Amino acid sequence: MTTMKFIKLFLIPFLFFGFKPNETAVINNNELIGTWVYSTYKDDLLYYKKKNNLKKDNAGIEFFKSGKLIKRQNESGCGTPPITYKNFNGSWEKKTDSTISLTYQNWGGMYQEEWQISSLTKDKMVVKRTSFQMLEKKSVERDRFR
């Protein structure tokens, strides 16, 4: 086989298909622990910035070394402005080198999410929510006078 045939048959296709960008990051607990304020959503990815505190008027999440978390999100199911935010308690655990599981209770019930960490630095986190499920629906007290 000549050098030119080798290049055409093996190297050129490898250049197009062989290099895939790294779509996950290895989770470093020291970088994950702390307060993350929601920044934006783009192409199925959630972007967070590390801050000192959760913001009163924005969503976010705070991870603790103990495996506990605080998830700040809409206080109710209504997304019509003005939106009021509230902190909800929960827990988190590392599933793989690039995946974490979140369990928390909010106004609607108990939920579990799985996040794939695409990028994690000391001041920025990019995640893709790979699963979301309601574990238990919160019962709503009905009108007693019906």
N, C-alpha and C. Protein backbone atom coordinates (compact mmCIF):
# COMPACT_ATOMS: atom_id res chain seq x y z
N MET A 1 0.86 -1.17 0.00
CA MET A 1 0.00 0.00 0.00
C MET A 1 0.90 1.23 0.00
N THR A 2 0.56 2.14 -0.85
CA THR A 2 1.37 3.35 -0.93
C THR A 2 0.98 4.29 0.22
N THR A 3 1.85 5.21 0.47
CA THR A 3 1.62 6.18 1.55
C THR A 3 0.36 7.00 1.29
N MET A 4 0.14 7.37 0.05
CA MET A 4 -1.02 8.19 -0.28
C MET A 4 -2.32 7.42 -0.04
N LYS A 5 -2.36 6.13 -0.40
CA LYS A 5 -3.56 5.32 -0.16
C LYS A 5 -3.80 5.19 1.34
N PHE A 6 -2.74 4.99 2.10
CA PHE A 6 -2.85 4.86 3.55
C PHE A 6 -3.48 6.13 4.15
N ILE A 7 -3.00 7.27 3.68
CA ILE A 7 -3.53 8.54 4.18
C ILE A 7 -5.01 8.68 3.83
N LYS A 8 -5.37 8.35 2.59
CA LYS A 8 -6.76 8.48 2.16
C LYS A 8 -7.68 7.51 2.90
N LEU A 9 -7.24 6.28 3.09
CA LEU A 9 -8.10 5.26 3.68
C LEU A 9 -8.21 5.35 5.20
N PHE A 10 -7.14 5.73 5.87
CA PHE A 10 -7.14 5.66 7.33
C PHE A 10 -7.04 7.00 8.04
N LEU A 11 -6.16 7.84 7.62
CA LEU A 11 -5.94 9.08 8.35
C LEU A 11 -7.01 10.14 8.12
N ILE A 12 -7.43 10.31 6.90
CA ILE A 12 -8.43 11.35 6.63
C ILE A 12 -9.75 11.04 7.34
N PRO A 13 -10.30 9.81 7.24
CA PRO A 13 -11.53 9.53 8.01
C PRO A 13 -11.32 9.70 9.52
N PHE A 14 -10.14 9.35 10.02
CA PHE A 14 -9.86 9.50 11.44
C PHE A 14 -9.91 10.97 11.85
N LEU A 15 -9.43 11.84 11.00
CA LEU A 15 -9.46 13.26 11.30
C LEU A 15 -10.89 13.78 11.41
N PHE A 16 -11.79 13.26 10.59
CA PHE A 16 -13.17 13.72 10.62
C PHE A 16 -14.00 13.07 11.72
N PHE A 17 -13.74 11.79 12.00
CA PHE A 17 -14.60 11.06 12.93
C PHE A 17 -13.90 10.60 14.20
N GLY A 18 -12.60 10.62 14.23
CA GLY A 18 -11.85 10.06 15.34
C GLY A 18 -11.73 10.96 16.54
N PHE A 19 -11.80 12.24 16.37
CA PHE A 19 -11.65 13.18 17.48
C PHE A 19 -13.01 13.73 17.86
N LYS A 20 -13.49 13.33 19.00
CA LYS A 20 -14.75 13.87 19.51
C LYS A 20 -14.41 14.76 20.69
N PRO A 21 -15.05 15.90 20.79
CA PRO A 21 -14.79 16.76 21.94
C PRO A 21 -15.24 16.08 23.23
N ASN A 22 -14.54 16.35 24.29
CA ASN A 22 -14.89 15.79 25.59
C ASN A 22 -16.17 16.46 26.06
N GLU A 23 -17.25 15.68 26.17
CA GLU A 23 -18.54 16.24 26.54
C GLU A 23 -18.82 16.12 28.03
N THR A 24 -17.89 15.57 28.78
CA THR A 24 -18.06 15.47 30.22
C THR A 24 -16.79 15.92 30.93
N ALA A 25 -16.96 16.28 32.17
CA ALA A 25 -15.82 16.69 32.98
C ALA A 25 -15.75 15.75 34.18
N VAL A 26 -14.55 15.51 34.66
CA VAL A 26 -14.39 14.73 35.87
C VAL A 26 -14.74 15.64 37.04
N ILE A 27 -15.64 15.15 37.90
CA ILE A 27 -16.11 15.95 39.02
C ILE A 27 -15.06 15.99 40.12
N ASN A 28 -14.62 17.18 40.43
CA ASN A 28 -13.74 17.42 41.56
C ASN A 28 -14.61 17.98 42.67
N ASN A 29 -14.79 17.20 43.75
CA ASN A 29 -15.70 17.63 44.82
C ASN A 29 -15.33 19.00 45.38
N ASN A 30 -14.03 19.31 45.45
CA ASN A 30 -13.62 20.62 45.97
C ASN A 30 -14.15 21.76 45.10
N GLU A 31 -14.21 21.55 43.79
CA GLU A 31 -14.74 22.58 42.91
C GLU A 31 -16.26 22.59 42.92
N LEU A 32 -16.90 21.44 43.11
CA LEU A 32 -18.35 21.35 43.10
C LEU A 32 -18.97 21.96 44.36
N ILE A 33 -18.35 21.74 45.50
CA ILE A 33 -18.89 22.23 46.77
C ILE A 33 -18.95 23.75 46.75
N GLY A 34 -20.11 24.29 47.12
CA GLY A 34 -20.27 25.73 47.17
C GLY A 34 -21.60 26.15 46.57
N THR A 35 -21.72 27.42 46.31
CA THR A 35 -22.96 28.04 45.85
C THR A 35 -22.86 28.37 44.36
N TRP A 36 -23.84 27.90 43.60
CA TRP A 36 -23.89 28.10 42.16
C TRP A 36 -25.19 28.81 41.79
N VAL A 37 -25.07 29.94 41.12
CA VAL A 37 -26.22 30.73 40.71
C VAL A 37 -26.45 30.51 39.22
N TYR A 38 -27.70 30.22 38.87
CA TYR A 38 -28.08 29.98 37.48
C TYR A 38 -27.76 31.20 36.62
N SER A 39 -27.16 30.93 35.45
CA SER A 39 -26.78 32.01 34.55
C SER A 39 -27.64 32.00 33.28
N THR A 40 -27.65 30.86 32.56
CA THR A 40 -28.40 30.79 31.30
C THR A 40 -28.62 29.34 30.90
N TYR A 41 -29.44 29.16 29.87
CA TYR A 41 -29.74 27.85 29.28
C TYR A 41 -29.51 27.97 27.79
N LYS A 42 -28.71 27.04 27.23
CA LYS A 42 -28.43 27.07 25.80
C LYS A 42 -28.07 25.67 25.33
N ASP A 43 -28.71 25.23 24.25
CA ASP A 43 -28.42 23.92 23.65
C ASP A 43 -28.49 22.78 24.65
N ASP A 44 -29.56 22.73 25.42
CA ASP A 44 -29.79 21.69 26.44
C ASP A 44 -28.80 21.72 27.59
N LEU A 45 -28.07 22.80 27.74
CA LEU A 45 -27.10 22.91 28.83
C LEU A 45 -27.49 24.05 29.77
N LEU A 46 -27.32 23.79 31.06
CA LEU A 46 -27.56 24.79 32.10
C LEU A 46 -26.21 25.35 32.53
N TYR A 47 -26.10 26.66 32.58
CA TYR A 47 -24.85 27.33 32.95
C TYR A 47 -25.01 27.98 34.32
N TYR A 48 -24.05 27.74 35.19
CA TYR A 48 -24.04 28.29 36.54
C TYR A 48 -22.73 29.02 36.79
N LYS A 49 -22.80 30.06 37.64
CA LYS A 49 -21.60 30.78 38.08
C LYS A 49 -21.47 30.62 39.58
N LYS A 50 -20.24 30.42 40.05
CA LYS A 50 -20.02 30.27 41.49
C LYS A 50 -20.07 31.64 42.15
N LYS A 51 -20.84 31.72 43.23
CA LYS A 51 -21.02 32.97 43.97
C LYS A 51 -20.89 32.69 45.46
N ASN A 52 -20.86 33.75 46.26
CA ASN A 52 -20.78 33.59 47.71
C ASN A 52 -22.12 33.20 48.33
N ASN A 53 -23.23 33.65 47.71
CA ASN A 53 -24.56 33.38 48.26
C ASN A 53 -25.55 33.14 47.13
N LEU A 54 -26.63 32.44 47.44
CA LEU A 54 -27.74 32.33 46.50
C LEU A 54 -28.39 33.70 46.37
N LYS A 55 -28.87 34.02 45.19
CA LYS A 55 -29.49 35.32 44.94
C LYS A 55 -30.99 35.27 45.22
N LYS A 56 -31.51 36.36 45.76
CA LYS A 56 -32.93 36.44 46.12
C LYS A 56 -33.84 36.27 44.90
N ASP A 57 -33.41 36.80 43.75
CA ASP A 57 -34.26 36.84 42.57
C ASP A 57 -33.76 35.94 41.43
N ASN A 58 -33.13 34.81 41.79
CA ASN A 58 -32.60 33.92 40.75
C ASN A 58 -32.51 32.50 41.29
N ALA A 59 -32.57 31.55 40.39
CA ALA A 59 -32.42 30.14 40.75
C ALA A 59 -30.95 29.83 41.03
N GLY A 60 -30.72 28.74 41.72
CA GLY A 60 -29.36 28.32 42.02
C GLY A 60 -29.36 27.05 42.84
N ILE A 61 -28.15 26.63 43.20
CA ILE A 61 -28.02 25.41 44.00
C ILE A 61 -26.76 25.52 44.85
N GLU A 62 -26.83 24.98 46.05
CA GLU A 62 -25.68 24.99 46.94
C GLU A 62 -25.39 23.55 47.35
N PHE A 63 -24.16 23.08 47.07
CA PHE A 63 -23.73 21.74 47.42
C PHE A 63 -22.88 21.79 48.69
N PHE A 64 -23.15 20.89 49.63
CA PHE A 64 -22.39 20.79 50.87
C PHE A 64 -21.60 19.48 50.88
N LYS A 65 -20.45 19.48 51.55
CA LYS A 65 -19.60 18.29 51.65
C LYS A 65 -20.35 17.10 52.22
N SER A 66 -21.32 17.36 53.10
CA SER A 66 -22.07 16.31 53.78
C SER A 66 -23.00 15.53 52.84
N GLY A 67 -23.16 15.99 51.60
CA GLY A 67 -24.10 15.36 50.68
C GLY A 67 -25.46 16.04 50.67
N LYS A 68 -25.61 17.09 51.47
CA LYS A 68 -26.85 17.87 51.49
C LYS A 68 -26.78 18.94 50.40
N LEU A 69 -27.95 19.48 50.04
CA LEU A 69 -27.99 20.57 49.08
C LEU A 69 -29.16 21.48 49.39
N ILE A 70 -29.07 22.69 48.87
CA ILE A 70 -30.19 23.62 48.85
C ILE A 70 -30.42 23.97 47.39
N LYS A 71 -31.63 23.73 46.91
CA LYS A 71 -31.98 24.06 45.53
C LYS A 71 -32.93 25.26 45.58
N ARG A 72 -32.51 26.35 44.97
CA ARG A 72 -33.33 27.57 44.94
C ARG A 72 -34.04 27.61 43.60
N GLN A 73 -35.37 27.65 43.66
CA GLN A 73 -36.16 27.65 42.44
C GLN A 73 -37.51 28.31 42.69
N ASN A 74 -38.37 28.32 41.66
CA ASN A 74 -39.69 28.92 41.80
C ASN A 74 -40.37 28.41 43.07
N GLU A 75 -40.99 29.33 43.77
CA GLU A 75 -41.70 28.97 45.00
C GLU A 75 -42.95 28.15 44.70
N SER A 76 -43.52 28.33 43.50
CA SER A 76 -44.73 27.60 43.11
C SER A 76 -44.59 27.14 41.67
N GLY A 77 -45.65 26.50 41.19
CA GLY A 77 -45.62 25.98 39.82
C GLY A 77 -45.83 27.04 38.76
N CYS A 78 -46.13 28.24 39.15
CA CYS A 78 -46.38 29.31 38.19
C CYS A 78 -45.07 29.96 37.76
N GLY A 79 -44.86 30.03 36.46
CA GLY A 79 -43.65 30.66 35.94
C GLY A 79 -43.90 32.03 35.36
N THR A 80 -45.07 32.59 35.63
CA THR A 80 -45.41 33.92 35.12
C THR A 80 -44.81 34.98 36.04
N PRO A 81 -44.08 35.93 35.49
CA PRO A 81 -43.50 36.99 36.32
C PRO A 81 -44.57 37.78 37.05
N PRO A 82 -44.32 38.30 38.21
CA PRO A 82 -43.03 38.20 38.90
C PRO A 82 -42.88 36.83 39.58
N ILE A 83 -41.71 36.24 39.45
CA ILE A 83 -41.43 34.92 40.02
C ILE A 83 -40.82 35.11 41.41
N THR A 84 -41.33 34.35 42.35
CA THR A 84 -40.79 34.36 43.71
C THR A 84 -40.00 33.07 43.90
N TYR A 85 -38.80 33.19 44.44
CA TYR A 85 -37.92 32.03 44.62
C TYR A 85 -37.90 31.60 46.08
N LYS A 86 -37.62 30.31 46.29
CA LYS A 86 -37.57 29.74 47.62
C LYS A 86 -36.50 28.66 47.65
N ASN A 87 -35.89 28.47 48.82
CA ASN A 87 -34.89 27.41 49.00
C ASN A 87 -35.58 26.11 49.40
N PHE A 88 -35.19 25.01 48.75
CA PHE A 88 -35.70 23.69 49.05
C PHE A 88 -34.52 22.78 49.41
N ASN A 89 -34.67 22.00 50.47
CA ASN A 89 -33.60 21.12 50.94
C ASN A 89 -33.61 19.79 50.20
N GLY A 90 -32.42 19.20 50.13
CA GLY A 90 -32.29 17.90 49.48
C GLY A 90 -30.93 17.31 49.73
N SER A 91 -30.58 16.35 48.87
CA SER A 91 -29.28 15.69 48.98
C SER A 91 -28.73 15.44 47.58
N TRP A 92 -27.44 15.19 47.53
CA TRP A 92 -26.78 14.89 46.26
C TRP A 92 -25.76 13.77 46.49
N GLU A 93 -25.46 13.05 45.41
CA GLU A 93 -24.40 12.06 45.47
C GLU A 93 -23.76 11.91 44.10
N LYS A 94 -22.49 11.60 44.13
CA LYS A 94 -21.72 11.38 42.91
C LYS A 94 -22.00 9.97 42.42
N LYS A 95 -22.46 9.83 41.17
CA LYS A 95 -22.77 8.52 40.59
C LYS A 95 -21.59 7.96 39.80
N THR A 96 -21.00 8.82 38.96
CA THR A 96 -19.81 8.45 38.17
C THR A 96 -18.84 9.62 38.23
N ASP A 97 -17.76 9.53 37.49
CA ASP A 97 -16.78 10.62 37.46
C ASP A 97 -17.37 11.92 36.91
N SER A 98 -18.49 11.81 36.16
CA SER A 98 -19.05 13.02 35.55
C SER A 98 -20.55 13.18 35.79
N THR A 99 -21.13 12.38 36.68
CA THR A 99 -22.57 12.41 36.89
C THR A 99 -22.90 12.50 38.38
N ILE A 100 -23.88 13.37 38.69
CA ILE A 100 -24.37 13.45 40.06
C ILE A 100 -25.89 13.27 40.06
N SER A 101 -26.41 12.80 41.18
CA SER A 101 -27.84 12.62 41.37
C SER A 101 -28.30 13.60 42.45
N LEU A 102 -29.39 14.30 42.19
CA LEU A 102 -29.97 15.26 43.13
C LEU A 102 -31.35 14.76 43.55
N THR A 103 -31.65 14.80 44.82
CA THR A 103 -32.98 14.47 45.33
C THR A 103 -33.40 15.62 46.23
N TYR A 104 -34.60 16.15 46.00
CA TYR A 104 -35.06 17.30 46.77
C TYR A 104 -36.58 17.35 46.77
N GLN A 105 -37.12 18.05 47.74
CA GLN A 105 -38.56 18.26 47.82
C GLN A 105 -38.84 19.73 47.57
N ASN A 106 -39.87 19.99 46.75
CA ASN A 106 -40.30 21.37 46.54
C ASN A 106 -41.81 21.45 46.67
N TRP A 107 -42.41 22.51 46.20
CA TRP A 107 -43.84 22.73 46.31
C TRP A 107 -44.68 21.60 45.71
N GLY A 108 -44.16 20.89 44.73
CA GLY A 108 -44.93 19.87 44.03
C GLY A 108 -44.74 18.45 44.53
N GLY A 109 -43.67 18.22 45.29
CA GLY A 109 -43.40 16.87 45.77
C GLY A 109 -41.91 16.59 45.86
N MET A 110 -41.58 15.31 45.83
CA MET A 110 -40.18 14.86 45.91
C MET A 110 -39.70 14.53 44.50
N TYR A 111 -38.54 15.07 44.14
CA TYR A 111 -38.00 14.91 42.79
C TYR A 111 -36.59 14.34 42.83
N GLN A 112 -36.23 13.70 41.72
CA GLN A 112 -34.85 13.25 41.54
C GLN A 112 -34.40 13.63 40.14
N GLU A 113 -33.21 14.22 40.08
CA GLU A 113 -32.61 14.60 38.80
C GLU A 113 -31.24 13.96 38.70
N GLU A 114 -30.80 13.74 37.48
CA GLU A 114 -29.43 13.32 37.26
C GLU A 114 -28.78 14.35 36.34
N TRP A 115 -27.63 14.82 36.74
CA TRP A 115 -26.89 15.82 35.96
C TRP A 115 -25.60 15.22 35.46
N GLN A 116 -25.34 15.46 34.19
CA GLN A 116 -24.03 15.15 33.61
C GLN A 116 -23.26 16.46 33.59
N ILE A 117 -22.13 16.48 34.26
CA ILE A 117 -21.31 17.69 34.32
C ILE A 117 -20.48 17.78 33.05
N SER A 118 -20.74 18.79 32.25
CA SER A 118 -20.00 18.98 30.99
C SER A 118 -18.71 19.75 31.22
N SER A 119 -18.77 20.70 32.16
CA SER A 119 -17.59 21.52 32.46
C SER A 119 -17.69 21.97 33.91
N LEU A 120 -16.56 21.91 34.62
CA LEU A 120 -16.53 22.33 36.01
C LEU A 120 -15.18 22.97 36.30
N THR A 121 -15.22 24.26 36.62
CA THR A 121 -14.02 24.97 37.03
C THR A 121 -14.31 25.62 38.38
N LYS A 122 -13.36 26.35 38.91
CA LYS A 122 -13.57 26.98 40.21
C LYS A 122 -14.67 28.04 40.20
N ASP A 123 -15.02 28.57 39.00
CA ASP A 123 -16.03 29.62 38.96
C ASP A 123 -17.16 29.42 37.94
N LYS A 124 -17.16 28.28 37.22
CA LYS A 124 -18.20 28.03 36.23
C LYS A 124 -18.53 26.54 36.18
N MET A 125 -19.83 26.25 36.04
CA MET A 125 -20.28 24.87 35.92
C MET A 125 -21.30 24.80 34.79
N VAL A 126 -21.15 23.81 33.91
CA VAL A 126 -22.09 23.58 32.82
C VAL A 126 -22.61 22.16 32.98
N VAL A 127 -23.94 22.02 33.01
CA VAL A 127 -24.53 20.70 33.23
C VAL A 127 -25.62 20.41 32.20
N LYS A 128 -25.84 19.13 31.99
CA LYS A 128 -26.96 18.67 31.18
C LYS A 128 -27.80 17.78 32.07
N ARG A 129 -29.07 18.11 32.19
CA ARG A 129 -29.97 17.27 32.99
C ARG A 129 -30.33 16.07 32.14
N THR A 130 -29.89 14.88 32.56
CA THR A 130 -30.11 13.67 31.78
C THR A 130 -31.35 12.90 32.22
N SER A 131 -31.83 13.16 33.43
CA SER A 131 -33.09 12.56 33.85
C SER A 131 -33.75 13.44 34.89
N PHE A 132 -35.08 13.34 34.93
CA PHE A 132 -35.87 14.12 35.87
C PHE A 132 -37.13 13.31 36.15
N GLN A 133 -37.38 13.02 37.41
CA GLN A 133 -38.59 12.27 37.73
C GLN A 133 -39.18 12.70 39.07
N MET A 134 -40.49 12.62 39.14
CA MET A 134 -41.18 12.88 40.40
C MET A 134 -41.23 11.56 41.15
N LEU A 135 -40.70 11.57 42.38
CA LEU A 135 -40.71 10.37 43.20
C LEU A 135 -41.99 10.26 44.01
N GLU A 136 -42.49 11.41 44.44
CA GLU A 136 -43.69 11.44 45.27
C GLU A 136 -44.39 12.76 45.06
N LYS A 137 -45.67 12.71 44.76
CA LYS A 137 -46.43 13.94 44.56
C LYS A 137 -46.94 14.43 45.91
N LYS A 138 -46.78 15.73 46.13
CA LYS A 138 -47.26 16.33 47.38
C LYS A 138 -48.78 16.41 47.32
N SER A 139 -49.43 15.96 48.37
CA SER A 139 -50.90 16.03 48.38
C SER A 139 -51.32 17.46 48.70
N VAL A 140 -52.28 17.92 47.99
CA VAL A 140 -52.79 19.27 48.16
C VAL A 140 -54.10 19.18 48.94
N GLU A 141 -54.19 19.94 50.02
CA GLU A 141 -55.42 19.92 50.83
C GLU A 141 -56.55 20.52 50.02
N ARG A 142 -57.64 19.79 49.92
CA ARG A 142 -58.81 20.23 49.17
C ARG A 142 -59.68 21.17 50.00
N ASP A 143 -60.47 21.91 49.33
CA ASP A 143 -61.40 22.82 49.98
C ASP A 143 -62.36 22.00 50.86
N ARG A 144 -62.44 22.32 52.14
CA ARG A 144 -63.25 21.57 53.08
C ARG A 144 -64.75 21.80 52.88
N PHE A 145 -65.12 22.84 52.19
CA PHE A 145 -66.53 23.20 52.09
C PHE A 145 -67.18 22.74 50.80
N ARG A 146 -66.56 21.87 50.07
CA ARG A 146 -67.16 21.37 48.82
C ARG A 146 -68.24 20.39 49.11
